[in-house]
């Protein structure tokens, strides 16, 4: 985020300033407007990237629709089965009928 705001990467250098001058109000307003514009561009770019990623992902995914009465197999990854060793447990169980 710092790189987007300032245009360079932050280095870990700590400097104490003894005499702080008040900020120029016009410069502060200009800087705030530039930051707002920068964030708007970033939001637009992020939205564009999300749309492109969703398109590429959905391009190879098939929409699976199930109806009542269909029979399905269940993966046992998230199902706790009373077996002494999960490694030797069945990977899929079924078929089960959808009600």
N, C-alpha and C. Protein backbone atom coordinates (compact mmCIF):
# COMPACT_ATOMS: atom_id res chain seq x y z
N UNK A 1 0.82 -1.19 0.00
CA UNK A 1 0.00 0.00 0.00
C UNK A 1 0.86 1.25 0.00
N UNK A 2 1.99 1.19 0.66
CA UNK A 2 2.87 2.35 0.71
C UNK A 2 3.40 2.67 -0.68
N UNK A 3 3.73 1.62 -1.46
CA UNK A 3 4.25 1.84 -2.81
C UNK A 3 3.22 2.56 -3.68
N UNK A 4 1.93 2.18 -3.53
CA UNK A 4 0.88 2.83 -4.30
C UNK A 4 0.75 4.29 -3.92
N UNK A 5 0.87 4.58 -2.65
CA UNK A 5 0.70 5.96 -2.19
C UNK A 5 1.88 6.85 -2.55
N UNK A 6 3.09 6.32 -2.38
CA UNK A 6 4.27 7.16 -2.51
C UNK A 6 5.07 6.94 -3.80
N UNK A 7 4.95 5.78 -4.41
CA UNK A 7 5.68 5.51 -5.64
C UNK A 7 7.03 4.86 -5.41
N UNK A 8 7.35 4.51 -4.19
CA UNK A 8 8.60 3.80 -3.89
C UNK A 8 8.37 2.94 -2.66
N UNK A 9 9.27 1.95 -2.48
CA UNK A 9 9.15 1.05 -1.34
C UNK A 9 9.76 1.70 -0.09
N UNK A 10 9.12 1.49 1.03
CA UNK A 10 9.54 2.07 2.30
C UNK A 10 10.81 1.40 2.80
N UNK A 11 11.76 2.19 3.19
CA UNK A 11 12.98 1.67 3.81
C UNK A 11 12.86 1.89 5.32
N UNK A 12 13.44 1.00 6.09
CA UNK A 12 13.33 1.06 7.54
C UNK A 12 14.36 2.03 8.11
N UNK A 13 14.16 3.30 7.89
CA UNK A 13 15.04 4.34 8.42
C UNK A 13 14.18 5.26 9.28
N UNK A 14 14.61 5.49 10.51
CA UNK A 14 13.85 6.35 11.42
C UNK A 14 14.63 7.65 11.60
N UNK A 15 13.95 8.74 11.32
CA UNK A 15 14.58 10.07 11.45
C UNK A 15 13.67 10.92 12.33
N UNK A 16 14.25 11.55 13.34
CA UNK A 16 13.49 12.46 14.19
C UNK A 16 13.67 13.87 13.67
N UNK A 17 12.54 14.56 13.52
CA UNK A 17 12.60 15.95 13.12
C UNK A 17 12.35 16.81 14.35
N UNK A 18 13.20 17.81 14.55
CA UNK A 18 13.05 18.65 15.73
C UNK A 18 12.17 19.87 15.47
N UNK A 19 12.24 20.40 14.28
CA UNK A 19 11.42 21.58 13.99
C UNK A 19 10.38 21.22 12.93
N UNK A 20 9.14 21.07 13.36
CA UNK A 20 8.05 20.72 12.45
C UNK A 20 7.33 22.00 12.04
N UNK A 21 7.23 22.20 10.74
CA UNK A 21 6.53 23.36 10.21
C UNK A 21 5.08 22.98 9.92
N UNK A 22 4.15 23.91 10.05
CA UNK A 22 2.75 23.59 9.73
C UNK A 22 2.61 23.28 8.24
N UNK A 23 1.71 22.35 7.93
CA UNK A 23 1.50 21.96 6.54
C UNK A 23 0.79 23.05 5.77
N UNK A 24 1.14 23.16 4.53
CA UNK A 24 0.45 24.07 3.64
C UNK A 24 -0.92 23.46 3.33
N UNK A 25 -2.01 24.21 3.59
CA UNK A 25 -3.35 23.66 3.42
C UNK A 25 -3.63 23.30 1.97
N UNK A 26 -3.16 24.12 1.05
CA UNK A 26 -3.40 23.83 -0.36
C UNK A 26 -2.69 22.55 -0.78
N UNK A 27 -1.48 22.35 -0.31
CA UNK A 27 -0.73 21.13 -0.62
C UNK A 27 -1.42 19.92 -0.02
N UNK A 28 -1.97 20.04 1.18
CA UNK A 28 -2.66 18.93 1.82
C UNK A 28 -3.93 18.56 1.06
N UNK A 29 -4.67 19.56 0.61
CA UNK A 29 -5.89 19.31 -0.16
C UNK A 29 -5.54 18.65 -1.49
N UNK A 30 -4.52 19.13 -2.15
CA UNK A 30 -4.08 18.55 -3.42
C UNK A 30 -3.65 17.10 -3.23
N UNK A 31 -2.90 16.85 -2.17
CA UNK A 31 -2.44 15.49 -1.88
C UNK A 31 -3.63 14.58 -1.60
N UNK A 32 -4.62 15.06 -0.86
CA UNK A 32 -5.80 14.26 -0.56
C UNK A 32 -6.58 13.94 -1.84
N UNK A 33 -6.69 14.90 -2.73
CA UNK A 33 -7.38 14.66 -4.00
C UNK A 33 -6.63 13.64 -4.85
N UNK A 34 -5.31 13.73 -4.87
CA UNK A 34 -4.51 12.77 -5.62
C UNK A 34 -4.67 11.36 -5.05
N UNK A 35 -4.70 11.27 -3.72
CA UNK A 35 -4.88 9.97 -3.08
C UNK A 35 -6.26 9.39 -3.40
N UNK A 36 -7.28 10.22 -3.39
CA UNK A 36 -8.63 9.76 -3.70
C UNK A 36 -8.70 9.25 -5.13
N UNK A 37 -8.08 9.97 -6.05
CA UNK A 37 -8.05 9.55 -7.45
C UNK A 37 -7.28 8.24 -7.61
N UNK A 38 -6.18 8.11 -6.89
CA UNK A 38 -5.38 6.89 -6.93
C UNK A 38 -6.19 5.70 -6.43
N UNK A 39 -6.92 5.87 -5.34
CA UNK A 39 -7.73 4.77 -4.81
C UNK A 39 -8.86 4.40 -5.76
N UNK A 40 -9.42 5.37 -6.45
CA UNK A 40 -10.47 5.07 -7.42
C UNK A 40 -9.91 4.23 -8.58
N UNK A 41 -8.72 4.59 -9.05
CA UNK A 41 -8.07 3.81 -10.11
C UNK A 41 -7.76 2.41 -9.62
N UNK A 42 -7.28 2.29 -8.39
CA UNK A 42 -6.98 0.97 -7.83
C UNK A 42 -8.24 0.13 -7.70
N UNK A 43 -9.35 0.72 -7.26
CA UNK A 43 -10.60 -0.02 -7.15
C UNK A 43 -11.05 -0.53 -8.53
N UNK A 44 -10.93 0.33 -9.54
CA UNK A 44 -11.31 -0.04 -10.89
C UNK A 44 -10.43 -1.19 -11.41
N UNK A 45 -9.11 -1.10 -11.18
CA UNK A 45 -8.20 -2.15 -11.61
C UNK A 45 -8.47 -3.46 -10.88
N UNK A 46 -8.77 -3.39 -9.59
CA UNK A 46 -9.07 -4.59 -8.81
C UNK A 46 -10.35 -5.24 -9.31
N UNK A 47 -11.36 -4.45 -9.59
CA UNK A 47 -12.62 -4.97 -10.11
C UNK A 47 -12.40 -5.63 -11.47
N UNK A 48 -11.58 -5.01 -12.32
CA UNK A 48 -11.28 -5.56 -13.64
C UNK A 48 -10.54 -6.89 -13.51
N UNK A 49 -9.59 -6.98 -12.59
CA UNK A 49 -8.84 -8.22 -12.37
C UNK A 49 -9.75 -9.32 -11.84
N UNK A 50 -10.65 -8.98 -10.92
CA UNK A 50 -11.58 -9.96 -10.38
C UNK A 50 -12.51 -10.49 -11.46
N UNK A 51 -12.97 -9.61 -12.34
CA UNK A 51 -13.84 -10.03 -13.43
C UNK A 51 -13.11 -10.97 -14.37
N UNK A 52 -11.86 -10.64 -14.71
CA UNK A 52 -11.07 -11.49 -15.61
C UNK A 52 -10.80 -12.85 -14.96
N UNK A 53 -10.45 -12.86 -13.69
CA UNK A 53 -10.19 -14.13 -13.00
C UNK A 53 -11.45 -14.98 -12.92
N UNK A 54 -12.59 -14.37 -12.66
CA UNK A 54 -13.85 -15.11 -12.60
C UNK A 54 -14.18 -15.70 -13.96
N UNK A 55 -13.93 -14.95 -15.03
CA UNK A 55 -14.22 -15.45 -16.38
C UNK A 55 -13.34 -16.67 -16.70
N UNK A 56 -12.03 -16.57 -16.40
CA UNK A 56 -11.14 -17.69 -16.68
C UNK A 56 -11.47 -18.90 -15.81
N UNK A 57 -11.85 -18.69 -14.58
CA UNK A 57 -12.22 -19.80 -13.70
C UNK A 57 -13.50 -20.48 -14.18
N UNK A 58 -14.51 -19.68 -14.48
CA UNK A 58 -15.81 -20.23 -14.88
C UNK A 58 -15.78 -20.85 -16.27
N UNK A 59 -14.77 -20.53 -17.05
CA UNK A 59 -14.65 -21.06 -18.40
C UNK A 59 -14.52 -22.58 -18.39
N UNK A 60 -13.85 -23.14 -17.39
CA UNK A 60 -13.59 -24.57 -17.32
C UNK A 60 -14.44 -25.29 -16.27
N UNK A 61 -15.33 -24.60 -15.61
CA UNK A 61 -16.16 -25.22 -14.58
C UNK A 61 -17.52 -25.56 -15.18
N UNK A 62 -18.00 -26.74 -14.84
CA UNK A 62 -19.32 -27.16 -15.30
C UNK A 62 -20.33 -26.95 -14.18
N UNK A 63 -21.47 -26.41 -14.52
CA UNK A 63 -22.53 -26.24 -13.55
C UNK A 63 -23.25 -27.57 -13.38
N UNK A 64 -23.21 -28.11 -12.18
CA UNK A 64 -23.84 -29.39 -11.91
C UNK A 64 -25.16 -29.13 -11.19
N UNK A 65 -26.21 -29.66 -11.74
CA UNK A 65 -27.53 -29.49 -11.12
C UNK A 65 -28.04 -30.86 -10.69
N UNK A 66 -28.55 -30.91 -9.49
CA UNK A 66 -29.08 -32.15 -8.95
C UNK A 66 -30.60 -32.01 -8.81
N UNK A 67 -31.27 -33.13 -9.00
CA UNK A 67 -32.73 -33.16 -8.84
C UNK A 67 -33.08 -34.20 -7.78
N UNK A 68 -34.27 -34.08 -7.26
CA UNK A 68 -34.74 -35.05 -6.27
C UNK A 68 -34.84 -36.41 -6.94
N UNK A 69 -34.26 -37.41 -6.29
CA UNK A 69 -34.27 -38.76 -6.83
C UNK A 69 -32.94 -39.17 -7.46
N UNK A 70 -32.07 -38.19 -7.73
CA UNK A 70 -30.74 -38.51 -8.27
C UNK A 70 -29.92 -39.22 -7.20
N UNK A 71 -29.00 -40.04 -7.67
CA UNK A 71 -28.10 -40.72 -6.75
C UNK A 71 -26.71 -40.10 -6.86
N UNK A 72 -26.08 -39.88 -5.70
CA UNK A 72 -24.77 -39.22 -5.67
C UNK A 72 -23.81 -39.98 -4.76
N UNK A 73 -22.54 -39.79 -5.01
CA UNK A 73 -21.48 -40.31 -4.15
C UNK A 73 -20.97 -39.15 -3.30
N UNK A 74 -20.58 -39.40 -2.07
CA UNK A 74 -20.07 -38.37 -1.18
C UNK A 74 -18.59 -38.59 -0.90
N UNK A 75 -17.83 -37.51 -0.96
CA UNK A 75 -16.43 -37.55 -0.55
C UNK A 75 -16.40 -37.57 0.98
N UNK A 76 -15.50 -38.34 1.55
CA UNK A 76 -15.45 -38.48 3.01
C UNK A 76 -14.45 -37.52 3.66
N UNK A 77 -14.04 -36.48 2.94
CA UNK A 77 -13.05 -35.55 3.48
C UNK A 77 -13.59 -34.83 4.72
N UNK A 78 -14.81 -34.35 4.65
CA UNK A 78 -15.39 -33.58 5.75
C UNK A 78 -16.37 -34.39 6.58
N UNK A 79 -16.43 -35.70 6.37
CA UNK A 79 -17.35 -36.55 7.11
C UNK A 79 -16.51 -37.41 8.07
N UNK A 80 -16.86 -37.37 9.34
CA UNK A 80 -16.13 -38.16 10.34
C UNK A 80 -16.70 -39.57 10.37
N UNK A 81 -15.87 -40.54 10.04
CA UNK A 81 -16.28 -41.94 10.03
C UNK A 81 -15.51 -42.66 11.13
N UNK A 82 -16.20 -43.52 11.85
CA UNK A 82 -15.59 -44.25 12.96
C UNK A 82 -14.71 -45.38 12.43
N UNK A 83 -13.51 -45.04 12.02
CA UNK A 83 -12.54 -46.01 11.56
C UNK A 83 -11.26 -45.81 12.35
N UNK A 84 -10.51 -46.85 12.63
CA UNK A 84 -9.28 -46.67 13.40
C UNK A 84 -8.20 -45.88 12.66
N UNK A 85 -8.23 -45.89 11.35
CA UNK A 85 -7.20 -45.19 10.57
C UNK A 85 -7.87 -44.48 9.40
N UNK A 86 -7.80 -43.17 9.37
CA UNK A 86 -8.42 -42.40 8.30
C UNK A 86 -7.76 -42.69 6.96
N UNK A 87 -6.49 -43.04 6.97
CA UNK A 87 -5.76 -43.30 5.74
C UNK A 87 -6.35 -44.49 4.99
N UNK A 88 -6.82 -45.49 5.73
CA UNK A 88 -7.37 -46.68 5.10
C UNK A 88 -8.88 -46.59 4.88
N UNK A 89 -9.47 -45.47 5.21
CA UNK A 89 -10.90 -45.27 5.07
C UNK A 89 -11.25 -45.08 3.59
N UNK A 90 -12.50 -45.36 3.24
CA UNK A 90 -12.95 -45.14 1.87
C UNK A 90 -12.91 -43.66 1.52
N UNK A 91 -12.55 -43.34 0.29
CA UNK A 91 -12.50 -41.94 -0.15
C UNK A 91 -13.89 -41.43 -0.51
N UNK A 92 -14.72 -42.31 -1.09
CA UNK A 92 -16.10 -41.95 -1.45
C UNK A 92 -17.04 -42.99 -0.87
N UNK A 93 -18.22 -42.53 -0.47
CA UNK A 93 -19.24 -43.44 0.04
C UNK A 93 -20.53 -43.18 -0.72
N UNK A 94 -21.34 -44.20 -0.83
CA UNK A 94 -22.61 -44.01 -1.51
C UNK A 94 -22.94 -45.21 -2.35
N UNK A 95 -23.84 -45.13 -3.23
CA UNK A 95 -24.61 -43.95 -3.66
C UNK A 95 -25.76 -43.64 -2.70
N UNK A 96 -26.04 -42.36 -2.57
CA UNK A 96 -27.16 -41.88 -1.75
C UNK A 96 -28.16 -41.21 -2.65
N UNK A 97 -29.43 -41.36 -2.31
CA UNK A 97 -30.50 -40.74 -3.09
C UNK A 97 -30.84 -39.38 -2.51
N UNK A 98 -30.95 -38.40 -3.38
CA UNK A 98 -31.33 -37.03 -2.94
C UNK A 98 -32.82 -37.01 -2.70
N UNK A 99 -33.21 -36.51 -1.51
CA UNK A 99 -34.63 -36.42 -1.17
C UNK A 99 -35.10 -35.00 -1.25
